[in-house]
Amino acid sequence: LYQEYAAEMTARNGYASGRAWEVVGYTTNGEADDWGWGDEGVVSFTLEVGNSRDGFWPKPDRIEPIAEQSLWPATYLLDASGPMIQVHEVHMAHVDSATTSGNLNLTLQNNGLAPFTSPLTACVRVTSSHFSIRPSAPDWYPSAQYSACTAIAALGARQA
């Protein structure tokens, strides 16, 4: 959980992710994140921001860029504290080149720490005239705005 969240949180800003001794070069055993998880079972992150040239007191002209670089990680973590749908896997199966048909398989997961409390609706839209959707499963239905939709049962919370 921690490594997956950290990788997603640093994907857009190029920051390193990992344990304190791996990233900032010093040990921090017993800090708040360890206590939160170990004693309280609470997921907690410490975001080290800026670069090595910034130090602990960045120059005033670096404050806004650092804040912008920190927005996505903070937003991701906030979203993950509740229910958060994520496409886990997408692949084509049973592709028949003679009939140019195949199955598109999507695997969705709740990557958040809270469960969804009601069913979801997943829809697929075709944006190319080279493709069409003919839902073969009975739980898919046509939609005016989308090519096809289906209901998905409420997903449980992500297990840490």
C-alpha atoms as a PDB file:
ATOM      1  CA  LEU A   1       0.000   0.000   0.000  1.00  0.00           C
ATOM      2  CA  TYR A   2       2.634   2.549   1.045  1.00  0.00           C
ATOM      3  CA  GLN A   3       4.906   1.868  -1.927  1.00  0.00           C
ATOM      4  CA  GLU A   4       2.015   1.959  -4.393  1.00  0.00           C
ATOM      5  CA  TYR A   5       0.641   5.219  -2.989  1.00  0.00           C
ATOM      6  CA  ALA A   6       4.119   6.779  -2.851  1.00  0.00           C
ATOM      7  CA  ALA A   7       4.845   5.813  -6.471  1.00  0.00           C
ATOM      8  CA  GLU A   8       1.587   7.411  -7.607  1.00  0.00           C
ATOM      9  CA  MET A   9       2.169  10.523  -5.496  1.00  0.00           C
ATOM     10  CA  THR A  10       5.633  11.127  -6.991  1.00  0.00           C
ATOM     11  CA  ALA A  11       4.786  10.178 -10.591  1.00  0.00           C
ATOM     12  CA  ARG A  12       4.117  13.796 -11.628  1.00  0.00           C
ATOM     13  CA  ASN A  13       6.774  15.746  -9.738  1.00  0.00           C
ATOM     14  CA  GLY A  14       9.875  13.564 -10.065  1.00  0.00           C
ATOM     15  CA  TYR A  15      10.436  13.375  -6.303  1.00  0.00           C
ATOM     16  CA  ALA A  16      11.981  10.244  -4.850  1.00  0.00           C
ATOM     17  CA  SER A  17       9.832   7.955  -2.749  1.00  0.00           C
ATOM     18  CA  GLY A  18      10.800   5.480  -0.087  1.00  0.00           C
ATOM     19  CA  ARG A  19      11.731   5.191   3.531  1.00  0.00           C
ATOM     20  CA  ALA A  20      13.511   8.122   5.167  1.00  0.00           C
ATOM     21  CA  TRP A  21      16.959   6.510   5.097  1.00  0.00           C
ATOM     22  CA  GLU A  22      16.499   5.715   1.392  1.00  0.00           C
ATOM     23  CA  VAL A  23      15.360   9.180   0.355  1.00  0.00           C
ATOM     24  CA  VAL A  24      16.787  11.813   2.684  1.00  0.00           C
ATOM     25  CA  GLY A  25      19.731   9.835   4.029  1.00  0.00           C
ATOM     26  CA  TYR A  26      18.995   9.650   7.745  1.00  0.00           C
ATOM     27  CA  THR A  27      16.990   7.316   9.942  1.00  0.00           C
ATOM     28  CA  THR A  28      13.789   8.413  11.609  1.00  0.00           C
ATOM     29  CA  ASN A  29      12.657   5.332  13.521  1.00  0.00           C
ATOM     30  CA  GLY A  30       9.784   6.124  15.799  1.00  0.00           C
ATOM     31  CA  GLU A  31       8.582   9.185  13.914  1.00  0.00           C
ATOM     32  CA  ALA A  32       4.880   9.989  13.554  1.00  0.00           C
ATOM     33  CA  ASP A  33       4.261   7.759  10.508  1.00  0.00           C
ATOM     34  CA  ASP A  34       5.687   4.698  12.295  1.00  0.00           C
ATOM     35  CA  TRP A  35       3.620   5.438  15.383  1.00  0.00           C
ATOM     36  CA  GLY A  36       0.435   6.101  13.395  1.00  0.00           C
ATOM     37  CA  TRP A  37       0.620   2.801  11.550  1.00  0.00           C
ATOM     38  CA  GLY A  38       2.162   0.653  14.268  1.00  0.00           C
ATOM     39  CA  ASP A  39       0.095   1.799  17.245  1.00  0.00           C
ATOM     40  CA  GLU A  40      -3.067   3.216  15.698  1.00  0.00           C
ATOM     41  CA  GLY A  41      -3.376   1.423  12.318  1.00  0.00           C
ATOM     42  CA  VAL A  42      -3.597   4.822  10.582  1.00  0.00           C
ATOM     43  CA  VAL A  43      -2.052   5.336   7.154  1.00  0.00           C
ATOM     44  CA  SER A  44       0.242   8.360   7.358  1.00  0.00           C
ATOM     45  CA  PHE A  45       2.777   9.962   5.021  1.00  0.00           C
ATOM     46  CA  THR A  46       5.441  12.605   5.453  1.00  0.00           C
ATOM     47  CA  LEU A  47       6.060  14.579   2.276  1.00  0.00           C
ATOM     48  CA  GLU A  48       9.615  15.864   1.877  1.00  0.00           C
ATOM     49  CA  VAL A  49       9.376  18.692  -0.641  1.00  0.00           C
ATOM     50  CA  GLY A  50      11.764  20.652  -2.815  1.00  0.00           C
ATOM     51  CA  ASN A  51      15.189  19.491  -3.912  1.00  0.00           C
ATOM     52  CA  SER A  52      18.530  19.140  -2.175  1.00  0.00           C
ATOM     53  CA  ARG A  53      19.502  22.723  -3.088  1.00  0.00           C
ATOM     54  CA  ASP A  54      16.408  24.097  -1.336  1.00  0.00           C
ATOM     55  CA  GLY A  55      17.428  22.941   2.127  1.00  0.00           C
ATOM     56  CA  PHE A  56      15.028  23.422   5.012  1.00  0.00           C
ATOM     57  CA  TRP A  57      14.507  27.124   4.240  1.00  0.00           C
ATOM     58  CA  PRO A  58      13.958  27.538   0.481  1.00  0.00           C
ATOM     59  CA  LYS A  59      14.395  30.924  -1.146  1.00  0.00           C
ATOM     60  CA  PRO A  60      11.166  32.910  -1.507  1.00  0.00           C
ATOM     61  CA  ASP A  61      11.104  32.393  -5.294  1.00  0.00           C
ATOM     62  CA  ARG A  62      11.058  28.599  -4.736  1.00  0.00           C
ATOM     63  CA  ILE A  63       8.006  28.558  -2.459  1.00  0.00           C
ATOM     64  CA  GLU A  64       5.367  28.694  -5.196  1.00  0.00           C
ATOM     65  CA  PRO A  65       7.027  26.023  -7.421  1.00  0.00           C
ATOM     66  CA  ILE A  66       7.430  23.738  -4.390  1.00  0.00           C
ATOM     67  CA  ALA A  67       3.773  24.258  -3.478  1.00  0.00           C
ATOM     68  CA  GLU A  68       2.728  23.418  -7.059  1.00  0.00           C
ATOM     69  CA  GLN A  69       4.871  20.254  -7.007  1.00  0.00           C
ATOM     70  CA  SER A  70       3.232  19.217  -3.733  1.00  0.00           C
ATOM     71  CA  LEU A  71      -0.366  19.712  -4.848  1.00  0.00           C
ATOM     72  CA  TRP A  72      -0.792  16.379  -6.678  1.00  0.00           C
ATOM     73  CA  PRO A  73       0.646  14.198  -3.867  1.00  0.00           C
ATOM     74  CA  ALA A  74      -1.539  15.909  -1.277  1.00  0.00           C
ATOM     75  CA  THR A  75      -4.638  15.660  -3.494  1.00  0.00           C
ATOM     76  CA  TYR A  76      -3.973  11.983  -4.246  1.00  0.00           C
ATOM     77  CA  LEU A  77      -3.607  11.163  -0.561  1.00  0.00           C
ATOM     78  CA  LEU A  78      -6.762  13.100   0.258  1.00  0.00           C
ATOM     79  CA  ASP A  79      -8.684  11.182  -2.426  1.00  0.00           C
ATOM     80  CA  ALA A  80      -7.269   7.864  -1.175  1.00  0.00           C
ATOM     81  CA  SER A  81      -8.615   8.536   2.315  1.00  0.00           C
ATOM     82  CA  GLY A  82     -12.102   7.845   0.955  1.00  0.00           C
ATOM     83  CA  PRO A  83     -13.334   5.557  -1.819  1.00  0.00           C
ATOM     84  CA  MET A  84     -11.276   5.969  -5.019  1.00  0.00           C
ATOM     85  CA  ILE A  85     -12.005   4.025  -8.211  1.00  0.00           C
ATOM     86  CA  GLN A  86      -8.953   3.055 -10.245  1.00  0.00           C
ATOM     87  CA  VAL A  87      -8.528   1.153 -13.497  1.00  0.00           C
ATOM     88  CA  HIS A  88      -6.253  -1.691 -12.462  1.00  0.00           C
ATOM     89  CA  GLU A  89      -5.913  -3.481 -15.789  1.00  0.00           C
ATOM     90  CA  VAL A  90      -7.002  -3.066 -19.409  1.00  0.00           C
ATOM     91  CA  HIS A  91      -6.460  -5.688 -22.077  1.00  0.00           C
ATOM     92  CA  MET A  92      -7.938  -7.072 -25.262  1.00  0.00           C
ATOM     93  CA  ALA A  93      -8.873 -10.744 -25.396  1.00  0.00           C
ATOM     94  CA  HIS A  94     -10.175 -13.120 -28.053  1.00  0.00           C
ATOM     95  CA  VAL A  95      -9.181 -10.785 -30.872  1.00  0.00           C
ATOM     96  CA  ASP A  96     -10.256 -12.212 -34.224  1.00  0.00           C
ATOM     97  CA  SER A  97      -8.509 -10.456 -37.109  1.00  0.00           C
ATOM     98  CA  ALA A  98     -10.842 -12.060 -39.659  1.00  0.00           C
ATOM     99  CA  THR A  99     -13.920 -10.421 -38.128  1.00  0.00           C
ATOM    100  CA  THR A 100     -12.012  -7.552 -36.478  1.00  0.00           C
ATOM    101  CA  SER A 101     -13.746  -8.294 -33.216  1.00  0.00           C
ATOM    102  CA  GLY A 102     -12.544  -8.873 -29.705  1.00  0.00           C
ATOM    103  CA  ASN A 103     -13.268  -8.347 -26.045  1.00  0.00           C
ATOM    104  CA  LEU A 104     -12.094  -5.368 -24.051  1.00  0.00           C
ATOM    105  CA  ASN A 105     -11.531  -6.391 -20.429  1.00  0.00           C
ATOM    106  CA  LEU A 106     -11.314  -3.765 -17.691  1.00  0.00           C
ATOM    107  CA  THR A 107     -10.449  -4.558 -14.102  1.00  0.00           C
ATOM    108  CA  LEU A 108     -11.499  -1.864 -11.651  1.00  0.00           C
ATOM    109  CA  GLN A 109     -10.552  -1.642  -8.000  1.00  0.00           C
ATOM    110  CA  ASN A 110     -11.240   0.604  -5.072  1.00  0.00           C
ATOM    111  CA  ASN A 111      -7.804   2.016  -4.280  1.00  0.00           C
ATOM    112  CA  GLY A 112      -9.178   4.110  -1.432  1.00  0.00           C
ATOM    113  CA  LEU A 113      -9.253   3.315   2.241  1.00  0.00           C
ATOM    114  CA  ALA A 114     -13.053   3.631   2.550  1.00  0.00           C
ATOM    115  CA  PRO A 115     -15.701   1.487   0.860  1.00  0.00           C
ATOM    116  CA  PHE A 116     -18.128   2.707  -1.769  1.00  0.00           C
ATOM    117  CA  THR A 117     -21.536   2.791  -0.117  1.00  0.00           C
ATOM    118  CA  SER A 118     -23.599   2.460  -3.295  1.00  0.00           C
ATOM    119  CA  PRO A 119     -23.249   0.840  -6.713  1.00  0.00           C
ATOM    120  CA  LEU A 120     -21.259   2.570  -9.444  1.00  0.00           C
ATOM    121  CA  THR A 121     -21.946   2.951 -13.152  1.00  0.00           C
ATOM    122  CA  ALA A 122     -19.141   2.310 -15.633  1.00  0.00           C
ATOM    123  CA  CYS A 123     -19.520   3.562 -19.189  1.00  0.00           C
ATOM    124  CA  VAL A 124     -17.423   3.200 -22.307  1.00  0.00           C
ATOM    125  CA  ARG A 125     -17.406   5.699 -25.152  1.00  0.00           C
ATOM    126  CA  VAL A 126     -16.102   4.970 -28.654  1.00  0.00           C
ATOM    127  CA  THR A 127     -14.448   8.018 -30.206  1.00  0.00           C
ATOM    128  CA  SER A 128     -13.399   6.514 -33.533  1.00  0.00           C
ATOM    129  CA  SER A 129     -15.528   5.457 -36.485  1.00  0.00           C
ATOM    130  CA  HIS A 130     -13.252   2.404 -36.831  1.00  0.00           C
ATOM    131  CA  PHE A 131     -14.688   0.862 -33.657  1.00  0.00           C
ATOM    132  CA  SER A 132     -18.105   0.033 -32.306  1.00  0.00           C
ATOM    133  CA  ILE A 133     -19.403  -1.563 -29.160  1.00  0.00           C
ATOM    134  CA  ARG A 134     -21.909  -4.363 -29.217  1.00  0.00           C
ATOM    135  CA  PRO A 135     -22.396  -5.339 -25.582  1.00  0.00           C
ATOM    136  CA  SER A 136     -22.690  -9.109 -25.351  1.00  0.00           C
ATOM    137  CA  ALA A 137     -23.185  -9.379 -21.611  1.00  0.00           C
ATOM    138  CA  PRO A 138     -26.780  -8.877 -20.449  1.00  0.00           C
ATOM    139  CA  ASP A 139     -25.809  -6.340 -17.788  1.00  0.00           C
ATOM    140  CA  TRP A 140     -24.473  -3.820 -20.347  1.00  0.00           C
ATOM    141  CA  TYR A 141     -26.955  -1.398 -21.859  1.00  0.00           C
ATOM    142  CA  PRO A 142     -26.774   1.308 -24.545  1.00  0.00           C
ATOM    143  CA  SER A 143     -26.616   4.917 -23.461  1.00  0.00           C
ATOM    144  CA  ALA A 144     -27.375   8.136 -25.332  1.00  0.00           C
ATOM    145  CA  GLN A 145     -24.245   9.863 -24.039  1.00  0.00           C
ATOM    146  CA  TYR A 146     -21.939   6.822 -24.039  1.00  0.00           C
ATOM    147  CA  SER A 147     -21.612   3.736 -26.202  1.00  0.00           C
ATOM    148  CA  ALA A 148     -22.485   1.317 -23.400  1.00  0.00           C
ATOM    149  CA  CYS A 149     -22.835   1.283 -19.610  1.00  0.00           C
ATOM    150  CA  THR A 150     -23.096  -1.254 -16.802  1.00  0.00           C
ATOM    151  CA  ALA A 151     -23.751  -1.181 -13.079  1.00  0.00           C
ATOM    152  CA  ILE A 152     -20.992  -2.294 -10.704  1.00  0.00           C
ATOM    153  CA  ALA A 153     -21.725  -3.447  -7.191  1.00  0.00           C
ATOM    154  CA  ALA A 154     -20.325  -1.248  -4.401  1.00  0.00           C
ATOM    155  CA  LEU A 155     -16.638  -2.015  -3.891  1.00  0.00           C
ATOM    156  CA  GLY A 156     -15.160  -2.644  -0.448  1.00  0.00           C
ATOM    157  CA  ALA A 157     -12.327  -0.613   1.014  1.00  0.00           C
ATOM    158  CA  ARG A 158      -8.709  -1.181   0.046  1.00  0.00           C
ATOM    159  CA  GLN A 159      -6.969  -3.462   2.505  1.00  0.00           C
ATOM    160  CA  ALA A 160      -3.764  -1.933   3.852  1.00  0.00           C
END
